[in-house]
Amino acid sequence: MPRVKIINKEEAPENLSNFPNFHKSGSITGMKKLYYGKDALLVRCGDYIYNVTSEPKIYHNAEKLITYCIISTTDNPHIEILNEYYRKVKNGAFAEVTNNSGIKKKFLFENNQWNVIDAK
């Protein structure tokens, strides 16, 4: 298990600042040893590392919500493009594909496959 997972500011929950935290220049090992415990769940957002052990969902969702934006130069079906270029992504990843005709589709990667969640 990674010592710290990264979460983007845009994806961070609003209450993240309410969790115990320390500056990124601090010692992760030291903070776990002295204050949080060796099994503490830590996420880094910006310049701070937060102990989100009391809400493990934040930790487990960190780094999953990656968004891929693709502009296709062909009219190939969108799913073929995703399968070709993004085969090894984590469940929970999002993708948006726009092709030459201006058709835009949004996908969610779940159960090891891309699924359409929105088409315009």
C-alpha atoms as a PDB file:
ATOM      1  CA  MET A   1       0.000   0.000   0.000  1.00  0.00           C
ATOM      2  CA  PRO A   2       1.444   3.410  -0.889  1.00  0.00           C
ATOM      3  CA  ARG A   3       2.462   5.609   2.003  1.00  0.00           C
ATOM      4  CA  VAL A   4       0.571   8.607   0.608  1.00  0.00           C
ATOM      5  CA  LYS A   5      -1.888   8.924  -2.258  1.00  0.00           C
ATOM      6  CA  ILE A   6      -2.266  12.101  -4.307  1.00  0.00           C
ATOM      7  CA  ILE A   7      -5.587  13.893  -4.722  1.00  0.00           C
ATOM      8  CA  ASN A   8      -6.078  16.927  -6.973  1.00  0.00           C
ATOM      9  CA  LYS A   9      -7.559  20.081  -5.477  1.00  0.00           C
ATOM     10  CA  GLU A  10     -10.470  19.847  -7.914  1.00  0.00           C
ATOM     11  CA  GLU A  11     -11.271  16.321  -6.723  1.00  0.00           C
ATOM     12  CA  ALA A  12     -10.712  16.879  -3.000  1.00  0.00           C
ATOM     13  CA  PRO A  13     -13.724  16.858  -0.704  1.00  0.00           C
ATOM     14  CA  GLU A  14     -14.714  20.239   0.718  1.00  0.00           C
ATOM     15  CA  ASN A  15     -14.048  19.094   4.283  1.00  0.00           C
ATOM     16  CA  LEU A  16     -10.456  17.954   3.625  1.00  0.00           C
ATOM     17  CA  SER A  17      -9.031  20.898   5.575  1.00  0.00           C
ATOM     18  CA  ASN A  18     -10.853  19.636   8.692  1.00  0.00           C
ATOM     19  CA  PHE A  19      -8.615  16.551   8.877  1.00  0.00           C
ATOM     20  CA  PRO A  20      -5.318  16.513  10.807  1.00  0.00           C
ATOM     21  CA  ASN A  21      -2.550  17.581   8.455  1.00  0.00           C
ATOM     22  CA  PHE A  22       1.096  18.537   8.101  1.00  0.00           C
ATOM     23  CA  HIS A  23       3.254  20.210   5.462  1.00  0.00           C
ATOM     24  CA  LYS A  24       4.650  18.059   2.647  1.00  0.00           C
ATOM     25  CA  SER A  25       8.185  18.796   3.887  1.00  0.00           C
ATOM     26  CA  GLY A  26       7.413  16.909   7.122  1.00  0.00           C
ATOM     27  CA  SER A  27       8.337  13.302   7.806  1.00  0.00           C
ATOM     28  CA  ILE A  28       5.618  10.837   6.868  1.00  0.00           C
ATOM     29  CA  THR A  29       7.304   8.081   8.858  1.00  0.00           C
ATOM     30  CA  GLY A  30       7.701  10.374  11.868  1.00  0.00           C
ATOM     31  CA  MET A  31       4.084  11.551  11.810  1.00  0.00           C
ATOM     32  CA  LYS A  32       2.817   7.973  11.570  1.00  0.00           C
ATOM     33  CA  LYS A  33       5.140   6.816  14.340  1.00  0.00           C
ATOM     34  CA  LEU A  34       4.473   9.693  16.746  1.00  0.00           C
ATOM     35  CA  TYR A  35       0.859  10.677  16.069  1.00  0.00           C
ATOM     36  CA  TYR A  36      -1.250   8.790  13.524  1.00  0.00           C
ATOM     37  CA  GLY A  37      -0.226   5.134  13.773  1.00  0.00           C
ATOM     38  CA  LYS A  38       1.499   2.947  11.201  1.00  0.00           C
ATOM     39  CA  ASP A  39      -1.761   2.103   9.387  1.00  0.00           C
ATOM     40  CA  ALA A  40      -2.882   5.716   8.947  1.00  0.00           C
ATOM     41  CA  LEU A  41      -4.407   6.575   5.567  1.00  0.00           C
ATOM     42  CA  LEU A  42      -2.708   9.696   4.200  1.00  0.00           C
ATOM     43  CA  VAL A  43      -3.508  11.779   1.121  1.00  0.00           C
ATOM     44  CA  ARG A  44      -1.556  14.697  -0.264  1.00  0.00           C
ATOM     45  CA  CYS A  45      -3.410  17.664  -1.692  1.00  0.00           C
ATOM     46  CA  GLY A  46      -1.344  20.658  -2.709  1.00  0.00           C
ATOM     47  CA  ASP A  47       1.320  21.389  -0.093  1.00  0.00           C
ATOM     48  CA  TYR A  48      -0.282  19.404   2.731  1.00  0.00           C
ATOM     49  CA  ILE A  49      -0.685  15.773   3.721  1.00  0.00           C
ATOM     50  CA  TYR A  50      -3.944  14.879   5.444  1.00  0.00           C
ATOM     51  CA  ASN A  51      -4.777  11.970   7.754  1.00  0.00           C
ATOM     52  CA  VAL A  52      -8.119  10.691   6.406  1.00  0.00           C
ATOM     53  CA  THR A  53      -8.191   7.469   8.421  1.00  0.00           C
ATOM     54  CA  SER A  54     -11.601   8.404   9.834  1.00  0.00           C
ATOM     55  CA  GLU A  55     -12.993   8.560   6.259  1.00  0.00           C
ATOM     56  CA  PRO A  56     -11.171   5.800   4.341  1.00  0.00           C
ATOM     57  CA  LYS A  57     -13.337   6.413   1.267  1.00  0.00           C
ATOM     58  CA  ILE A  58     -11.270   9.552   0.547  1.00  0.00           C
ATOM     59  CA  TYR A  59      -8.051   7.536   0.585  1.00  0.00           C
ATOM     60  CA  HIS A  60      -9.380   4.682  -1.533  1.00  0.00           C
ATOM     61  CA  ASN A  61     -10.837   7.030  -4.163  1.00  0.00           C
ATOM     62  CA  ALA A  62      -7.660   9.110  -4.446  1.00  0.00           C
ATOM     63  CA  GLU A  63      -5.830   8.734  -7.766  1.00  0.00           C
ATOM     64  CA  LYS A  64      -8.783   6.894  -9.307  1.00  0.00           C
ATOM     65  CA  LEU A  65     -10.595   9.863 -10.733  1.00  0.00           C
ATOM     66  CA  ILE A  66      -8.259  10.454 -13.632  1.00  0.00           C
ATOM     67  CA  THR A  67      -9.832  12.120 -16.632  1.00  0.00           C
ATOM     68  CA  TYR A  68      -8.703  11.464 -20.184  1.00  0.00           C
ATOM     69  CA  CYS A  69      -9.707  13.845 -22.965  1.00  0.00           C
ATOM     70  CA  ILE A  70      -9.235  12.665 -26.520  1.00  0.00           C
ATOM     71  CA  ILE A  71      -9.945  14.342 -29.833  1.00  0.00           C
ATOM     72  CA  SER A  72     -10.121  11.693 -32.501  1.00  0.00           C
ATOM     73  CA  THR A  73      -8.957  12.472 -36.036  1.00  0.00           C
ATOM     74  CA  THR A  74     -11.222   9.771 -37.428  1.00  0.00           C
ATOM     75  CA  ASP A  75     -14.819   8.742 -37.061  1.00  0.00           C
ATOM     76  CA  ASN A  76     -13.856   5.417 -35.467  1.00  0.00           C
ATOM     77  CA  PRO A  77     -16.145   4.294 -32.686  1.00  0.00           C
ATOM     78  CA  HIS A  78     -15.067   5.924 -29.447  1.00  0.00           C
ATOM     79  CA  ILE A  79     -14.791   2.682 -27.505  1.00  0.00           C
ATOM     80  CA  GLU A  80     -12.189   1.336 -29.947  1.00  0.00           C
ATOM     81  CA  ILE A  81     -10.041   4.424 -29.390  1.00  0.00           C
ATOM     82  CA  LEU A  82     -10.213   4.050 -25.607  1.00  0.00           C
ATOM     83  CA  ASN A  83      -9.416   0.358 -25.754  1.00  0.00           C
ATOM     84  CA  GLU A  84      -6.452   1.042 -28.029  1.00  0.00           C
ATOM     85  CA  TYR A  85      -4.861   3.909 -26.065  1.00  0.00           C
ATOM     86  CA  TYR A  86      -6.011   3.359 -22.489  1.00  0.00           C
ATOM     87  CA  ARG A  87      -5.957  -0.349 -21.777  1.00  0.00           C
ATOM     88  CA  LYS A  88      -4.359  -0.211 -18.339  1.00  0.00           C
ATOM     89  CA  VAL A  89      -6.382   2.290 -16.337  1.00  0.00           C
ATOM     90  CA  LYS A  90      -7.921   2.010 -12.886  1.00  0.00           C
ATOM     91  CA  ASN A  91     -11.595   1.456 -12.237  1.00  0.00           C
ATOM     92  CA  GLY A  92     -13.234   4.832 -11.677  1.00  0.00           C
ATOM     93  CA  ALA A  93     -11.337   6.656 -14.444  1.00  0.00           C
ATOM     94  CA  PHE A  94     -13.328   8.973 -16.733  1.00  0.00           C
ATOM     95  CA  ALA A  95     -12.774   9.716 -20.398  1.00  0.00           C
ATOM     96  CA  GLU A  96     -14.288  12.165 -22.855  1.00  0.00           C
ATOM     97  CA  VAL A  97     -13.858  11.569 -26.573  1.00  0.00           C
ATOM     98  CA  THR A  98     -14.758  13.956 -29.400  1.00  0.00           C
ATOM     99  CA  ASN A  99     -14.458  12.780 -32.988  1.00  0.00           C
ATOM    100  CA  ASN A 100     -14.214  14.625 -36.330  1.00  0.00           C
ATOM    101  CA  SER A 101     -18.004  14.893 -36.574  1.00  0.00           C
ATOM    102  CA  GLY A 102     -18.182  16.722 -33.247  1.00  0.00           C
ATOM    103  CA  ILE A 103     -19.819  13.811 -31.478  1.00  0.00           C
ATOM    104  CA  LYS A 104     -18.789  13.821 -27.830  1.00  0.00           C
ATOM    105  CA  LYS A 105     -19.122  10.853 -25.490  1.00  0.00           C
ATOM    106  CA  LYS A 106     -18.203  10.372 -21.842  1.00  0.00           C
ATOM    107  CA  PHE A 107     -17.064   7.044 -20.466  1.00  0.00           C
ATOM    108  CA  LEU A 108     -16.430   5.492 -17.066  1.00  0.00           C
ATOM    109  CA  PHE A 109     -13.977   2.616 -16.612  1.00  0.00           C
ATOM    110  CA  GLU A 110     -15.653   0.006 -14.389  1.00  0.00           C
ATOM    111  CA  ASN A 111     -15.213  -3.754 -14.073  1.00  0.00           C
ATOM    112  CA  ASN A 112     -12.202  -3.537 -16.378  1.00  0.00           C
ATOM    113  CA  GLN A 113     -14.103  -2.070 -19.320  1.00  0.00           C
ATOM    114  CA  TRP A 114     -15.121   1.335 -20.665  1.00  0.00           C
ATOM    115  CA  ASN A 115     -18.848   2.086 -20.391  1.00  0.00           C
ATOM    116  CA  VAL A 116     -20.721   5.018 -21.988  1.00  0.00           C
ATOM    117  CA  ILE A 117     -22.180   7.349 -19.351  1.00  0.00           C
ATOM    118  CA  ASP A 118     -23.126  10.296 -21.561  1.00  0.00           C
ATOM    119  CA  ALA A 119     -23.319  10.994 -25.275  1.00  0.00           C
ATOM    120  CA  LYS A 120     -24.004  14.336 -26.992  1.00  0.00           C
END
